[in-house]
């Protein structure tokens, strides 16, 4: 509550104390002087609460578009989500024991990994849409034409042609960065989805050997290592694309 916070402000308390002291100094009774201080404090808090600007809300991260249905990124995301469902099913079917405990502990990391893949898929869709806004064929043709004109251009138009060429080159550079990012995103989506598929297969294999004496903690620990490798890969890709594309 803003009014209550303002009552506790040190400057407000000092002002109230000063006012009360001044009232006492002019021979007002102590109770009346105290009342003056309380009134001043309340008035100051009310004015401050009414006039102090409200804090600005923290900027929210820009939402990515929905994943384009039927796109490659949608297919890989669906496969990753299916793998996560399979992992959860295996976890729920295991009897109590070292493997069940380890698999249950891995479920949140699997969900986190799929969430990251979902963001990567959304970014891949956004990147694909951005690519359609740059006609690379037309850009290349314009670049070639400008270069040809520059060879025979008079000095009075050379600067303008150079600026035009730089603008066209900037478009070509943007297209190259977007294309590179899209390839990286799709490659990581595929790697992540297939990695989760492999994790599910390995968990199913170990679940079939829960009574085997050879199933030791080292073997079970390999699941953790496999999942951590997948998680780290998708997180690093997300960070890299965020840095390159903003």
Protein backbone atom coordinates (compact mmCIF):
# COMPACT_ATOMS: atom_id res chain seq x y z
CA UNK A 1 0.00 0.00 0.00
CA UNK A 2 1.60 3.24 -1.16
CA UNK A 3 0.08 5.45 1.58
CA UNK A 4 1.39 3.19 4.35
CA UNK A 5 4.87 3.14 2.79
CA UNK A 6 4.89 6.93 2.59
CA UNK A 7 4.08 7.16 6.32
CA UNK A 8 7.33 5.33 7.04
CA UNK A 9 9.48 7.58 4.84
CA UNK A 10 12.31 9.14 6.94
CA UNK A 11 11.80 12.63 5.49
CA UNK A 12 8.11 12.53 6.35
CA UNK A 13 8.85 11.51 9.93
CA UNK A 14 11.42 14.32 10.23
CA UNK A 15 8.95 16.89 8.90
CA UNK A 16 6.28 15.70 11.34
CA UNK A 17 8.68 15.85 14.27
CA UNK A 18 9.78 19.37 13.29
CA UNK A 19 6.17 20.56 13.05
CA UNK A 20 5.30 19.07 16.41
CA UNK A 21 8.34 20.75 17.96
CA UNK A 22 7.38 24.10 16.51
CA UNK A 23 3.84 23.75 17.87
CA UNK A 24 5.17 22.93 21.34
CA UNK A 25 7.55 25.89 21.15
CA UNK A 26 4.65 28.33 20.75
CA UNK A 27 3.12 27.05 23.98
CA UNK A 28 0.57 24.59 22.54
CA UNK A 29 -0.24 21.72 24.90
CA UNK A 30 1.85 18.59 24.33
CA UNK A 31 -1.16 16.59 23.09
CA UNK A 32 -2.08 19.31 20.62
CA UNK A 33 1.52 19.57 19.44
CA UNK A 34 1.56 15.82 18.87
CA UNK A 35 -1.66 16.16 16.89
CA UNK A 36 -0.06 18.76 14.66
CA UNK A 37 2.83 16.39 13.92
CA UNK A 38 0.47 13.52 13.09
CA UNK A 39 -1.61 15.75 10.81
CA UNK A 40 1.46 16.97 8.95
CA UNK A 41 2.74 13.43 8.53
CA UNK A 42 -0.59 12.17 7.20
CA UNK A 43 -0.95 15.12 4.82
CA UNK A 44 2.56 14.68 3.48
CA UNK A 45 2.07 10.94 2.97
CA UNK A 46 -1.22 11.51 1.19
CA UNK A 47 0.23 14.04 -1.22
CA UNK A 48 3.29 11.91 -1.93
CA UNK A 49 1.21 8.79 -2.51
CA UNK A 50 -1.04 10.64 -4.92
CA UNK A 51 1.68 12.37 -6.89
CA UNK A 52 4.52 9.85 -6.97
CA UNK A 53 4.64 8.21 -10.41
CA UNK A 54 3.82 4.55 -10.59
CA UNK A 55 6.77 2.30 -11.37
CA UNK A 56 6.97 1.31 -15.00
CA UNK A 57 6.20 -2.34 -15.68
CA UNK A 58 9.18 -4.46 -16.59
CA UNK A 59 9.42 -5.05 -20.33
CA UNK A 60 8.11 -8.44 -21.34
CA UNK A 61 10.07 -10.69 -23.64
CA UNK A 62 8.69 -10.48 -27.15
CA UNK A 63 6.47 -13.47 -27.80
CA UNK A 64 7.46 -15.71 -30.66
CA UNK A 65 4.83 -16.60 -33.28
CA UNK A 66 3.09 -19.92 -33.26
CA UNK A 67 4.91 -22.72 -34.99
CA UNK A 68 3.80 -22.96 -38.62
CA UNK A 69 1.69 -26.12 -39.05
CA UNK A 70 3.17 -28.59 -41.52
CA UNK A 71 6.59 -26.95 -41.41
CA UNK A 72 9.79 -28.93 -40.72
CA UNK A 73 10.09 -27.30 -37.31
CA UNK A 74 6.54 -28.34 -36.44
CA UNK A 75 7.31 -31.95 -37.39
CA UNK A 76 10.46 -32.09 -35.23
CA UNK A 77 8.70 -30.41 -32.33
CA UNK A 78 5.84 -32.91 -32.50
CA UNK A 79 8.38 -35.74 -32.45
CA UNK A 80 10.13 -34.25 -29.40
CA UNK A 81 6.80 -33.88 -27.58
CA UNK A 82 5.94 -37.49 -28.40
CA UNK A 83 9.27 -38.60 -26.97
CA UNK A 84 8.61 -36.64 -23.78
CA UNK A 85 5.22 -38.37 -23.46
CA UNK A 86 6.95 -41.73 -23.90
CA UNK A 87 9.50 -40.89 -21.23
CA UNK A 88 6.76 -39.89 -18.81
CA UNK A 89 4.95 -43.16 -19.53
CA UNK A 90 8.05 -45.20 -18.78
CA UNK A 91 8.61 -43.26 -15.58
CA UNK A 92 5.09 -44.01 -14.39
CA UNK A 93 5.40 -47.72 -15.16
CA UNK A 94 8.64 -48.41 -13.26
CA UNK A 95 8.62 -50.17 -9.92
CA UNK A 96 10.30 -48.43 -7.00
CA UNK A 97 14.07 -48.62 -7.21
CA UNK A 98 17.20 -46.79 -8.33
CA UNK A 99 16.10 -46.58 -11.97
CA UNK A 100 12.60 -45.33 -11.10
CA UNK A 101 14.03 -42.62 -8.85
CA UNK A 102 16.53 -41.48 -11.45
CA UNK A 103 13.99 -41.43 -14.30
CA UNK A 104 11.44 -39.54 -12.18
CA UNK A 105 14.11 -36.96 -11.36
CA UNK A 106 14.85 -36.50 -15.06
CA UNK A 107 11.26 -35.71 -16.05
CA UNK A 108 11.48 -31.95 -15.23
CA UNK A 109 14.64 -31.67 -17.35
CA UNK A 110 12.91 -33.45 -20.24
CA UNK A 111 10.01 -30.99 -20.01
CA UNK A 112 12.41 -28.05 -19.85
CA UNK A 113 14.22 -29.35 -22.93
CA UNK A 114 10.97 -29.66 -24.88
CA UNK A 115 9.99 -26.13 -23.82
CA UNK A 116 13.29 -24.86 -25.21
CA UNK A 117 12.75 -26.80 -28.42
CA UNK A 118 9.31 -25.21 -28.68
CA UNK A 119 10.88 -21.77 -28.50
CA UNK A 120 13.43 -22.80 -31.11
CA UNK A 121 10.63 -23.99 -33.37
CA UNK A 122 8.84 -20.66 -32.96
CA UNK A 123 12.04 -18.82 -33.77
CA UNK A 124 12.53 -21.02 -36.83
CA UNK A 125 9.04 -20.08 -38.03
CA UNK A 126 9.75 -16.38 -37.41
CA UNK A 127 13.04 -16.67 -39.28
CA UNK A 128 11.36 -18.38 -42.21
CA UNK A 129 8.75 -15.63 -42.46
CA UNK A 130 11.48 -12.98 -42.34
CA UNK A 131 13.31 -14.71 -45.19
CA UNK A 132 10.26 -14.39 -47.43
CA UNK A 133 10.50 -10.60 -47.10
CA UNK A 134 13.89 -10.51 -48.81
CA UNK A 135 13.79 -11.34 -52.52
CA UNK A 136 17.35 -12.58 -52.76
CA UNK A 137 17.09 -13.06 -56.53
CA UNK A 138 16.08 -9.46 -57.09
CA UNK A 139 18.73 -8.29 -54.62
CA UNK A 140 21.47 -10.18 -56.44
CA UNK A 141 20.36 -8.82 -59.80
CA UNK A 142 20.31 -5.26 -58.46
CA UNK A 143 23.74 -5.73 -56.94
CA UNK A 144 25.18 -6.89 -60.27
CA UNK A 145 23.57 -3.97 -62.11
CA UNK A 146 24.95 -1.42 -59.65
CA UNK A 147 28.43 -2.86 -59.86
CA UNK A 148 28.30 -2.64 -63.63
CA UNK A 149 27.12 0.97 -63.53
CA UNK A 150 29.85 1.92 -61.07
CA UNK A 151 32.56 0.90 -63.53
CA UNK A 152 31.53 3.63 -65.97
CA UNK A 153 29.81 6.10 -63.63
CA UNK A 154 30.69 9.77 -63.63
CA UNK A 155 32.05 11.23 -60.42
CA UNK A 156 28.89 13.26 -59.75
CA UNK A 157 26.79 10.10 -59.26
CA UNK A 158 29.43 7.69 -57.97
CA UNK A 159 28.66 8.42 -54.30
CA UNK A 160 24.94 7.75 -54.79
CA UNK A 161 25.62 4.50 -56.63
CA UNK A 162 28.01 3.42 -53.89
CA UNK A 163 25.40 4.09 -51.21
CA UNK A 164 22.84 2.13 -53.20
CA UNK A 165 25.23 -0.78 -53.51
CA UNK A 166 25.87 -0.73 -49.75
CA UNK A 167 22.11 -0.80 -49.09
CA UNK A 168 21.67 -3.77 -51.41
CA UNK A 169 24.63 -5.52 -49.82
CA UNK A 170 23.05 -5.01 -46.40
CA UNK A 171 19.91 -6.81 -47.61
CA UNK A 172 22.01 -9.66 -48.92
CA UNK A 173 23.84 -9.89 -45.59
CA UNK A 174 20.55 -10.03 -43.70
CA UNK A 175 19.34 -12.85 -45.91
CA UNK A 176 22.58 -14.76 -45.34
CA UNK A 177 22.31 -14.40 -41.55
CA UNK A 178 18.67 -15.45 -41.54
CA UNK A 179 19.41 -18.46 -43.74
CA UNK A 180 22.28 -19.52 -41.51
CA UNK A 181 20.15 -19.15 -38.38
CA UNK A 182 17.30 -21.14 -39.90
CA UNK A 183 19.64 -24.00 -40.85
CA UNK A 184 21.09 -24.02 -37.35
CA UNK A 185 17.66 -24.00 -35.72
CA UNK A 186 16.32 -26.85 -37.85
CA UNK A 187 19.48 -28.89 -37.30
CA UNK A 188 19.17 -28.47 -33.53
CA UNK A 189 15.47 -29.28 -33.57
CA UNK A 190 16.25 -32.50 -35.40
CA UNK A 191 19.15 -33.32 -33.09
CA UNK A 192 17.07 -32.61 -29.98
CA UNK A 193 14.08 -34.64 -31.13
CA UNK A 194 16.18 -37.61 -32.18
CA UNK A 195 18.18 -37.34 -28.97
CA UNK A 196 15.01 -37.54 -26.90
CA UNK A 197 13.90 -40.51 -28.99
CA UNK A 198 17.18 -42.21 -28.15
CA UNK A 199 16.78 -41.36 -24.48
CA UNK A 200 13.35 -43.00 -24.40
CA UNK A 201 14.69 -46.10 -26.13
CA UNK A 202 17.54 -46.35 -23.63
CA UNK A 203 15.18 -45.87 -20.67
CA UNK A 204 12.90 -48.59 -22.06
CA UNK A 205 15.89 -50.90 -22.44
CA UNK A 206 16.98 -50.32 -18.86
CA UNK A 207 13.43 -50.77 -17.58
CA UNK A 208 13.43 -54.24 -19.10
CA UNK A 209 16.61 -55.08 -17.18
CA UNK A 210 15.60 -53.81 -13.75
CA UNK A 211 16.08 -57.26 -12.29
CA UNK A 212 19.48 -57.75 -13.91
CA UNK A 213 22.37 -57.71 -11.49
CA UNK A 214 24.48 -55.91 -14.11
CA UNK A 215 22.25 -52.82 -13.89
CA UNK A 216 24.45 -50.64 -11.66
CA UNK A 217 24.41 -46.97 -10.81
CA UNK A 218 26.98 -46.22 -13.52
CA UNK A 219 24.69 -47.61 -16.19
CA UNK A 220 21.74 -45.66 -14.82
CA UNK A 221 23.89 -42.53 -14.65
CA UNK A 222 24.44 -42.70 -18.40
CA UNK A 223 20.83 -41.61 -18.83
CA UNK A 224 21.56 -38.39 -16.97
CA UNK A 225 24.61 -37.71 -19.12
CA UNK A 226 22.67 -38.37 -22.30
CA UNK A 227 19.87 -35.99 -21.29
CA UNK A 228 22.31 -33.29 -20.16
CA UNK A 229 24.00 -33.39 -23.55
CA UNK A 230 20.66 -32.87 -25.29
CA UNK A 231 19.63 -30.07 -22.92
CA UNK A 232 22.94 -28.25 -23.24
CA UNK A 233 22.81 -28.42 -27.03
CA UNK A 234 19.37 -26.84 -27.34
CA UNK A 235 20.14 -24.15 -24.74
CA UNK A 236 23.38 -23.18 -26.49
CA UNK A 237 21.55 -22.96 -29.82
CA UNK A 238 18.87 -20.74 -28.31
CA UNK A 239 21.48 -18.41 -26.82
CA UNK A 240 23.47 -18.28 -30.06
CA UNK A 241 20.45 -17.45 -32.23
CA UNK A 242 19.28 -14.83 -29.75
CA UNK A 243 22.67 -13.14 -29.94
CA UNK A 244 22.83 -13.26 -33.75
CA UNK A 245 19.24 -12.24 -34.47
CA UNK A 246 18.35 -10.25 -31.35
